[in-house]
């Protein structure tokens, strides 16, 4: 938490937040559509890629890195979607058209990398975003955390994404699938309601979406889908949503029953998982729209039971002793707390301050030791 970045607001990319860096504003953009600007910036990014590769190669040589990834260049459609989702439709605020990833083993190695960047490329550094690594800042969608360094190479802002290997190993597994899907579709699965996305679309548009969805899943019939077919399950779930909004709840029911069965029986999800509950809720709707009220009511009861189990601290944990029982023998610490408040009312604040100072000093000692190994 003691780390301080450069031009890091701590909340860049969130709604109504001001991003402190952007691509260069040019006169030619005045009467140009955002989509066209994205295409122009993608061409710039391709010309800049070799310069970014040189930066990565230098950093890699200095730190003895064995792995790095340069590119791919962000597509115009991806950039436009990101600008609309995060930056109010301004494509100049997208700063990762040209990007690369570097991997460090720990925070000490990350600090070494930052020092190398600042000593060699200080004149082109535009931002060092460290806030996502701090415990008192919210993580990225799905819980992921990394460091981002933006460099101005030949007039185009590029992005170095610095990943902690321990987190990257999770991201490379199923964690990244969930993370990317949530980012692509702006989804928080704990409160997501797809009806808000599809509401207002005319029937012709929905028909086209249904056609695309059916074409996407045609290679794998729903009865052949298994619990490890992550992409197919998500594609079928999207199609089920479209069926319901298009007025085909019977088709949605057939898909959802299979998906719910797969999710409920899989140890990584189970009947109490948030995603399973979301799929069960859609199944309930499909049944209700077919006037299968008895079946819908049964699903509703299962949802309530699962949510109740979800809220429990643990299925086999004993019930914690009541506060009155603890207080009777002063096991709750109430008497000690009262004495502390009377004799030393600032004790809690001082303890917290000491804890932070100890953490900073520990990080500093670790960094100094790591720094000697890099620069001596």
Protein backbone atom coordinates (compact mmCIF):
# COMPACT_ATOMS: atom_id res chain seq x y z
CA UNK A 1 0.00 0.00 0.00
CA UNK A 2 2.99 2.33 0.33
CA UNK A 3 3.68 2.16 -3.43
CA UNK A 4 2.94 5.34 -5.38
CA UNK A 5 2.46 5.33 -9.14
CA UNK A 6 2.68 8.05 -11.79
CA UNK A 7 -0.52 9.66 -13.16
CA UNK A 8 -2.42 6.91 -11.32
CA UNK A 9 -5.85 8.08 -10.16
CA UNK A 10 -6.57 4.68 -8.66
CA UNK A 11 -9.85 4.31 -10.52
CA UNK A 12 -9.00 4.83 -14.19
CA UNK A 13 -11.44 3.12 -16.48
CA UNK A 14 -14.45 3.27 -14.18
CA UNK A 15 -17.58 5.22 -14.96
CA UNK A 16 -17.31 9.00 -14.60
CA UNK A 17 -13.59 8.81 -13.82
CA UNK A 18 -11.05 11.06 -15.50
CA UNK A 19 -8.19 9.19 -17.13
CA UNK A 20 -5.01 11.24 -16.94
CA UNK A 21 -3.41 10.04 -20.16
CA UNK A 22 -4.67 9.66 -23.72
CA UNK A 23 -3.48 9.20 -27.26
CA UNK A 24 -2.35 12.37 -29.02
CA UNK A 25 -5.17 14.61 -30.25
CA UNK A 26 -4.73 15.36 -33.95
CA UNK A 27 -6.44 17.84 -36.23
CA UNK A 28 -7.48 15.05 -38.61
CA UNK A 29 -9.70 13.59 -35.87
CA UNK A 30 -12.01 16.64 -35.81
CA UNK A 31 -14.57 15.31 -38.31
CA UNK A 32 -13.68 11.65 -37.98
CA UNK A 33 -15.95 8.99 -36.45
CA UNK A 34 -14.75 7.05 -33.38
CA UNK A 35 -14.69 3.87 -35.44
CA UNK A 36 -12.41 5.48 -38.03
CA UNK A 37 -10.14 6.87 -35.29
CA UNK A 38 -9.77 3.33 -33.92
CA UNK A 39 -8.59 2.14 -37.33
CA UNK A 40 -6.05 4.98 -37.53
CA UNK A 41 -4.71 4.21 -34.04
CA UNK A 42 -4.43 0.51 -34.87
CA UNK A 43 -2.22 1.39 -37.85
CA UNK A 44 -0.11 3.57 -35.56
CA UNK A 45 0.16 0.69 -33.10
CA UNK A 46 1.49 -1.65 -35.80
CA UNK A 47 4.21 0.85 -36.69
CA UNK A 48 5.08 1.22 -32.99
CA UNK A 49 5.27 -2.48 -32.19
CA UNK A 50 8.97 -2.88 -33.04
CA UNK A 51 9.85 -0.03 -30.64
CA UNK A 52 7.92 -1.72 -27.85
CA UNK A 53 9.70 -5.00 -28.60
CA UNK A 54 13.05 -3.25 -28.12
CA UNK A 55 11.94 -1.91 -24.72
CA UNK A 56 10.79 -5.37 -23.63
CA UNK A 57 14.04 -6.96 -24.83
CA UNK A 58 16.12 -4.46 -22.83
CA UNK A 59 14.10 -4.97 -19.64
CA UNK A 60 14.19 -8.74 -20.13
CA UNK A 61 17.98 -8.72 -20.49
CA UNK A 62 18.42 -6.61 -17.36
CA UNK A 63 16.23 -8.86 -15.21
CA UNK A 64 17.07 -12.19 -16.84
CA UNK A 65 13.46 -12.79 -17.87
CA UNK A 66 12.72 -16.03 -19.67
CA UNK A 67 9.17 -15.23 -20.72
CA UNK A 68 7.43 -12.24 -22.26
CA UNK A 69 4.60 -11.69 -24.71
CA UNK A 70 4.32 -8.86 -27.24
CA UNK A 71 0.97 -8.12 -28.88
CA UNK A 72 -1.40 -8.88 -30.38
CA UNK A 73 -2.46 -5.44 -31.61
CA UNK A 74 -5.94 -4.63 -30.34
CA UNK A 75 -8.57 -4.86 -33.08
CA UNK A 76 -10.54 -1.70 -33.99
CA UNK A 77 -13.80 -3.37 -32.91
CA UNK A 78 -12.33 -4.27 -29.52
CA UNK A 79 -10.99 -0.75 -29.03
CA UNK A 80 -14.34 0.81 -29.94
CA UNK A 81 -16.18 -1.49 -27.53
CA UNK A 82 -13.73 -0.66 -24.74
CA UNK A 83 -14.03 3.08 -25.38
CA UNK A 84 -17.82 2.89 -25.21
CA UNK A 85 -17.82 0.74 -22.09
CA UNK A 86 -15.19 2.65 -20.10
CA UNK A 87 -14.51 6.06 -21.59
CA UNK A 88 -17.79 7.46 -22.85
CA UNK A 89 -16.98 6.57 -26.46
CA UNK A 90 -13.61 8.37 -26.65
CA UNK A 91 -11.15 6.05 -28.50
CA UNK A 92 -8.21 8.32 -27.62
CA UNK A 93 -8.47 7.16 -24.00
CA UNK A 94 -7.72 3.58 -25.05
CA UNK A 95 -3.99 3.21 -24.42
CA UNK A 96 -3.39 -0.49 -25.10
CA UNK A 97 -3.69 -0.72 -28.88
CA UNK A 98 -0.01 -1.71 -28.81
CA UNK A 99 0.73 -3.85 -25.75
CA UNK A 100 3.07 -6.36 -24.22
CA UNK A 101 3.18 -8.52 -21.10
CA UNK A 102 6.12 -9.08 -18.76
CA UNK A 103 6.16 -11.52 -15.86
CA UNK A 104 7.79 -11.04 -12.45
CA UNK A 105 8.05 -13.48 -9.58
CA UNK A 106 7.22 -11.07 -6.75
CA UNK A 107 6.73 -7.42 -5.77
CA UNK A 108 10.48 -6.92 -5.24
CA UNK A 109 11.13 -7.93 -8.85
CA UNK A 110 8.34 -5.58 -9.93
CA UNK A 111 10.06 -2.69 -8.15
CA UNK A 112 13.33 -3.58 -9.85
CA UNK A 113 11.57 -3.49 -13.21
CA UNK A 114 10.07 -0.07 -12.45
CA UNK A 115 13.48 1.30 -11.46
CA UNK A 116 14.98 0.04 -14.72
CA UNK A 117 12.17 1.64 -16.72
CA UNK A 118 12.56 4.97 -14.94
CA UNK A 119 16.34 4.98 -15.29
CA UNK A 120 16.31 4.14 -19.00
CA UNK A 121 12.98 5.47 -20.31
CA UNK A 122 11.99 8.26 -17.90
CA UNK A 123 11.40 10.71 -20.77
CA UNK A 124 8.73 8.51 -22.39
CA UNK A 125 6.95 7.18 -19.27
CA UNK A 126 3.41 8.55 -19.16
CA UNK A 127 1.85 6.44 -16.41
CA UNK A 128 2.75 3.77 -13.88
CA UNK A 129 -0.46 2.31 -12.51
CA UNK A 130 0.13 0.47 -9.23
CA UNK A 131 -3.18 1.07 -7.51
CA UNK A 132 -4.67 -2.28 -8.57
CA UNK A 133 -2.00 -4.06 -6.53
CA UNK A 134 -3.03 -2.32 -3.31
CA UNK A 135 -5.32 -4.09 -0.89
CA UNK A 136 -7.41 -0.96 -0.23
CA UNK A 137 -8.20 -0.55 -3.94
CA UNK A 138 -10.71 -2.67 -5.82
CA UNK A 139 -9.31 -5.37 -8.07
CA UNK A 140 -10.08 -5.77 -11.75
CA UNK A 141 -13.14 -7.75 -12.79
CA UNK A 142 -12.86 -11.29 -11.46
CA UNK A 143 -10.35 -10.30 -8.76
CA UNK A 144 -7.28 -9.98 -10.99
CA UNK A 145 -4.50 -7.50 -10.11
CA UNK A 146 -1.53 -6.28 -12.13
CA UNK A 147 0.67 -3.25 -12.82
CA UNK A 148 0.44 -1.19 -16.01
CA UNK A 149 3.16 1.05 -17.43
CA UNK A 150 2.30 3.34 -20.35
CA UNK A 151 5.10 4.55 -22.64
CA UNK A 152 4.96 7.13 -25.42
CA UNK A 153 6.83 5.48 -28.31
CA UNK A 154 7.05 7.60 -31.45
CA UNK A 155 3.97 9.59 -30.48
CA UNK A 156 1.79 6.54 -29.72
CA UNK A 157 1.05 5.45 -26.16
CA UNK A 158 1.70 1.75 -25.59
CA UNK A 159 1.06 -0.41 -22.56
CA UNK A 160 3.31 -2.75 -20.63
CA UNK A 161 1.28 -5.12 -18.49
CA UNK A 162 3.37 -6.42 -15.59
CA UNK A 163 1.99 -9.66 -14.17
CA UNK A 164 2.87 -11.39 -10.92
CA UNK A 165 3.51 -14.97 -11.92
CA UNK A 166 1.44 -16.37 -9.03
CA UNK A 167 -1.65 -14.49 -10.25
CA UNK A 168 -0.93 -15.13 -13.91
CA UNK A 169 -1.00 -18.90 -13.35
CA UNK A 170 -4.57 -18.49 -12.10
CA UNK A 171 -5.44 -16.15 -14.96
CA UNK A 172 -4.12 -18.66 -17.51
CA UNK A 173 -6.53 -21.26 -16.16
CA UNK A 174 -10.30 -20.90 -15.89
CA UNK A 175 -9.86 -17.66 -14.03
CA UNK A 176 -9.03 -15.87 -17.28
CA UNK A 177 -12.08 -17.30 -19.04
CA UNK A 178 -14.36 -15.79 -16.40
CA UNK A 179 -12.35 -12.56 -16.28
CA UNK A 180 -12.42 -11.99 -20.05
CA UNK A 181 -16.10 -12.88 -20.40
CA UNK A 182 -16.99 -10.47 -17.60
CA UNK A 183 -14.89 -7.71 -19.20
CA UNK A 184 -16.21 -8.32 -22.71
CA UNK A 185 -19.82 -8.21 -21.59
CA UNK A 186 -19.55 -5.88 -18.59
CA UNK A 187 -20.89 -8.61 -16.33
CA UNK A 188 -20.98 -8.88 -12.57
CA UNK A 189 -22.42 -12.38 -12.19
CA UNK A 190 -23.59 -11.67 -8.67
CA UNK A 191 -26.17 -9.16 -9.90
CA UNK A 192 -26.26 -9.60 -13.68
CA UNK A 193 -29.62 -9.39 -15.43
CA UNK A 194 -29.35 -10.03 -19.16
CA UNK A 195 -32.88 -8.70 -19.70
CA UNK A 196 -31.42 -5.21 -19.23
CA UNK A 197 -29.13 -5.87 -22.20
CA UNK A 198 -31.76 -7.33 -24.53
CA UNK A 199 -34.66 -5.07 -23.57
CA UNK A 200 -35.57 -2.68 -26.37
CA UNK A 201 -34.17 -4.73 -29.26
CA UNK A 202 -36.69 -5.18 -32.07
CA UNK A 203 -37.76 -8.62 -33.22
CA UNK A 204 -35.69 -8.53 -36.40
CA UNK A 205 -32.50 -7.88 -34.44
CA UNK A 206 -33.35 -10.65 -31.97
CA UNK A 207 -33.96 -13.01 -34.89
CA UNK A 208 -30.52 -12.25 -36.28
CA UNK A 209 -28.96 -12.83 -32.85
CA UNK A 210 -30.76 -16.16 -32.50
CA UNK A 211 -29.46 -17.23 -35.93
CA UNK A 212 -25.90 -16.32 -34.98
CA UNK A 213 -26.25 -18.10 -31.63
CA UNK A 214 -27.57 -21.28 -33.22
CA UNK A 215 -24.78 -21.26 -35.78
CA UNK A 216 -22.23 -20.88 -32.97
CA UNK A 217 -23.32 -24.05 -31.15
CA UNK A 218 -24.18 -26.22 -34.14
CA UNK A 219 -21.00 -28.31 -33.88
CA UNK A 220 -21.75 -29.50 -30.35
CA UNK A 221 -25.34 -30.61 -29.63
CA UNK A 222 -26.46 -29.74 -26.11
CA UNK A 223 -26.74 -33.40 -25.08
CA UNK A 224 -23.04 -33.88 -25.90
CA UNK A 225 -21.86 -30.91 -23.82
CA UNK A 226 -19.89 -31.90 -20.71
CA UNK A 227 -19.01 -29.91 -17.57
CA UNK A 228 -15.52 -29.12 -18.88
CA UNK A 229 -16.87 -27.57 -22.11
CA UNK A 230 -16.71 -24.07 -20.65
CA UNK A 231 -17.13 -22.11 -23.89
CA UNK A 232 -20.00 -24.26 -25.13
CA UNK A 233 -21.88 -23.90 -21.84
CA UNK A 234 -21.61 -20.13 -22.01
CA UNK A 235 -22.64 -20.08 -25.67
CA UNK A 236 -25.70 -22.20 -24.92
CA UNK A 237 -26.60 -20.04 -21.93
CA UNK A 238 -26.50 -16.95 -24.15
CA UNK A 239 -28.68 -18.73 -26.72
CA UNK A 240 -31.18 -19.69 -24.00
CA UNK A 241 -31.48 -16.04 -23.02
CA UNK A 242 -32.14 -15.12 -26.64
CA UNK A 243 -34.77 -17.86 -26.99
CA UNK A 244 -36.67 -16.52 -23.98
CA UNK A 245 -36.67 -12.95 -25.29
CA UNK A 246 -37.62 -14.14 -28.76
CA UNK A 247 -40.58 -16.08 -27.40
CA UNK A 248 -39.23 -19.63 -27.54
CA UNK A 249 -39.15 -20.60 -23.84
CA UNK A 250 -39.53 -24.32 -24.61
CA UNK A 251 -36.20 -24.33 -26.44
CA UNK A 252 -34.61 -22.36 -23.61
CA UNK A 253 -35.91 -24.89 -21.08
CA UNK A 254 -34.30 -27.80 -22.95
CA UNK A 255 -30.92 -26.06 -22.91
CA UNK A 256 -31.12 -24.79 -19.34
CA UNK A 257 -32.04 -28.13 -17.83
CA UNK A 258 -28.87 -29.61 -19.29
CA UNK A 259 -26.70 -26.66 -18.18
CA UNK A 260 -28.10 -26.64 -14.63
CA UNK A 261 -27.52 -30.40 -14.36
CA UNK A 262 -23.89 -29.99 -15.49
CA UNK A 263 -23.16 -27.06 -13.17
CA UNK A 264 -24.89 -28.58 -10.15
CA UNK A 265 -23.01 -31.85 -10.44
CA UNK A 266 -19.57 -30.32 -10.98
CA UNK A 267 -17.38 -29.81 -7.92
CA UNK A 268 -16.01 -26.44 -9.14
CA UNK A 269 -19.54 -25.01 -9.26
CA UNK A 270 -22.25 -27.00 -7.47
CA UNK A 271 -25.91 -26.09 -6.82
CA UNK A 272 -25.03 -23.09 -4.60
CA UNK A 273 -22.68 -21.36 -7.02
CA UNK A 274 -23.76 -17.88 -8.14
CA UNK A 275 -23.62 -18.85 -11.81
CA UNK A 276 -25.69 -21.98 -11.21
CA UNK A 277 -28.30 -19.91 -9.39
CA UNK A 278 -28.44 -17.46 -12.28
CA UNK A 279 -29.07 -20.33 -14.70
CA UNK A 280 -31.72 -21.83 -12.42
CA UNK A 281 -33.49 -18.48 -12.27
CA UNK A 282 -33.62 -18.35 -16.07
CA UNK A 283 -34.94 -21.93 -16.11
CA UNK A 284 -37.69 -20.85 -13.72
CA UNK A 285 -38.63 -18.02 -16.10
CA UNK A 286 -38.75 -20.35 -19.09
CA UNK A 287 -41.11 -22.67 -17.22
CA UNK A 288 -43.30 -19.80 -16.07
CA UNK A 289 -43.63 -18.46 -19.64
CA UNK A 290 -44.89 -21.90 -20.69
CA UNK A 291 -47.44 -21.84 -17.85
CA UNK A 292 -45.67 -24.75 -16.15
CA UNK A 293 -46.29 -23.15 -12.78
CA UNK A 294 -45.83 -26.30 -10.70
CA UNK A 295 -42.37 -26.96 -12.17
CA UNK A 296 -41.47 -23.28 -11.87
CA UNK A 297 -42.45 -23.32 -8.21
CA UNK A 298 -40.27 -26.38 -7.59
CA UNK A 299 -37.28 -24.62 -9.19
CA UNK A 300 -38.01 -21.52 -7.10
CA UNK A 301 -37.89 -23.62 -3.94
CA UNK A 302 -34.55 -25.10 -4.99
CA UNK A 303 -33.18 -21.60 -5.59
CA UNK A 304 -34.26 -20.43 -2.14
CA UNK A 305 -32.74 -23.50 -0.51
CA UNK A 306 -29.46 -23.02 -2.40
CA UNK A 307 -29.27 -19.33 -1.49
CA UNK A 308 -29.85 -20.20 2.15
CA UNK A 309 -27.00 -22.72 2.03
CA UNK A 310 -24.84 -20.17 0.22
CA UNK A 311 -25.22 -17.68 3.05
CA UNK A 312 -24.13 -20.16 5.67
CA UNK A 313 -20.56 -19.86 6.81
CA UNK A 314 -20.00 -23.55 6.18
CA UNK A 315 -22.13 -26.64 5.80
CA UNK A 316 -20.43 -28.60 8.59
CA UNK A 317 -19.22 -25.79 10.86
CA UNK A 318 -20.61 -25.88 14.39
CA UNK A 319 -22.76 -22.96 15.40
CA UNK A 320 -20.61 -20.33 17.11
CA UNK A 321 -21.26 -19.78 20.84
CA UNK A 322 -23.63 -16.98 21.67
CA UNK A 323 -22.21 -13.65 22.78
CA UNK A 324 -24.02 -13.86 26.12
CA UNK A 325 -22.22 -17.12 26.96
CA UNK A 326 -18.83 -15.63 26.10
CA UNK A 327 -19.50 -12.45 28.05
CA UNK A 328 -20.50 -14.40 31.15
CA UNK A 329 -16.88 -15.54 31.48
CA UNK A 330 -15.43 -12.47 29.74
CA UNK A 331 -14.25 -14.64 26.81
CA UNK A 332 -15.57 -12.01 24.42
CA UNK A 333 -12.96 -9.54 25.66
CA UNK A 334 -15.53 -6.86 26.45
CA UNK A 335 -14.07 -6.02 29.89
CA UNK A 336 -10.56 -5.72 28.47
CA UNK A 337 -11.85 -3.54 25.62
CA UNK A 338 -13.63 -1.17 28.03
CA UNK A 339 -10.49 -0.83 30.16
CA UNK A 340 -8.44 -0.06 27.06
CA UNK A 341 -10.89 2.61 25.95
CA UNK A 342 -10.79 4.29 29.35
CA UNK A 343 -7.03 4.12 29.88
CA UNK A 344 -5.88 4.51 26.28
CA UNK A 345 -8.64 5.70 23.92
CA UNK A 346 -6.23 5.95 20.95
CA UNK A 347 -4.84 2.44 21.31
CA UNK A 348 -6.63 1.04 18.24
CA UNK A 349 -5.41 3.86 15.97
CA UNK A 350 -1.84 3.50 17.24
CA UNK A 351 -1.88 -0.25 16.70
CA UNK A 352 -3.11 0.19 13.13
CA UNK A 353 -0.48 2.83 12.45
CA UNK A 354 2.25 0.57 13.85
CA UNK A 355 1.02 -2.32 11.73
CA UNK A 356 1.26 -0.20 8.58
CA UNK A 357 4.73 1.08 9.50
CA UNK A 358 5.94 -2.47 10.16
CA UNK A 359 4.57 -3.61 6.79
CA UNK A 360 6.27 -0.73 4.97
CA UNK A 361 9.57 -1.39 6.73
CA UNK A 362 9.36 -5.10 5.92
CA UNK A 363 8.70 -4.30 2.24
CA UNK A 364 11.58 -1.81 2.22
CA UNK A 365 14.01 -4.35 3.68
CA UNK A 366 12.93 -6.97 1.16
CA UNK A 367 13.32 -4.49 -1.68
CA UNK A 368 16.80 -3.40 -0.61
CA UNK A 369 17.93 -6.99 -0.46
CA UNK A 370 16.43 -7.74 -3.88
CA UNK A 371 17.85 -4.52 -5.33
CA UNK A 372 21.38 -5.48 -4.34
CA UNK A 373 21.05 -8.72 -6.29
CA UNK A 374 20.00 -6.81 -9.41
CA UNK A 375 22.31 -3.78 -9.33
CA UNK A 376 25.46 -4.82 -7.46
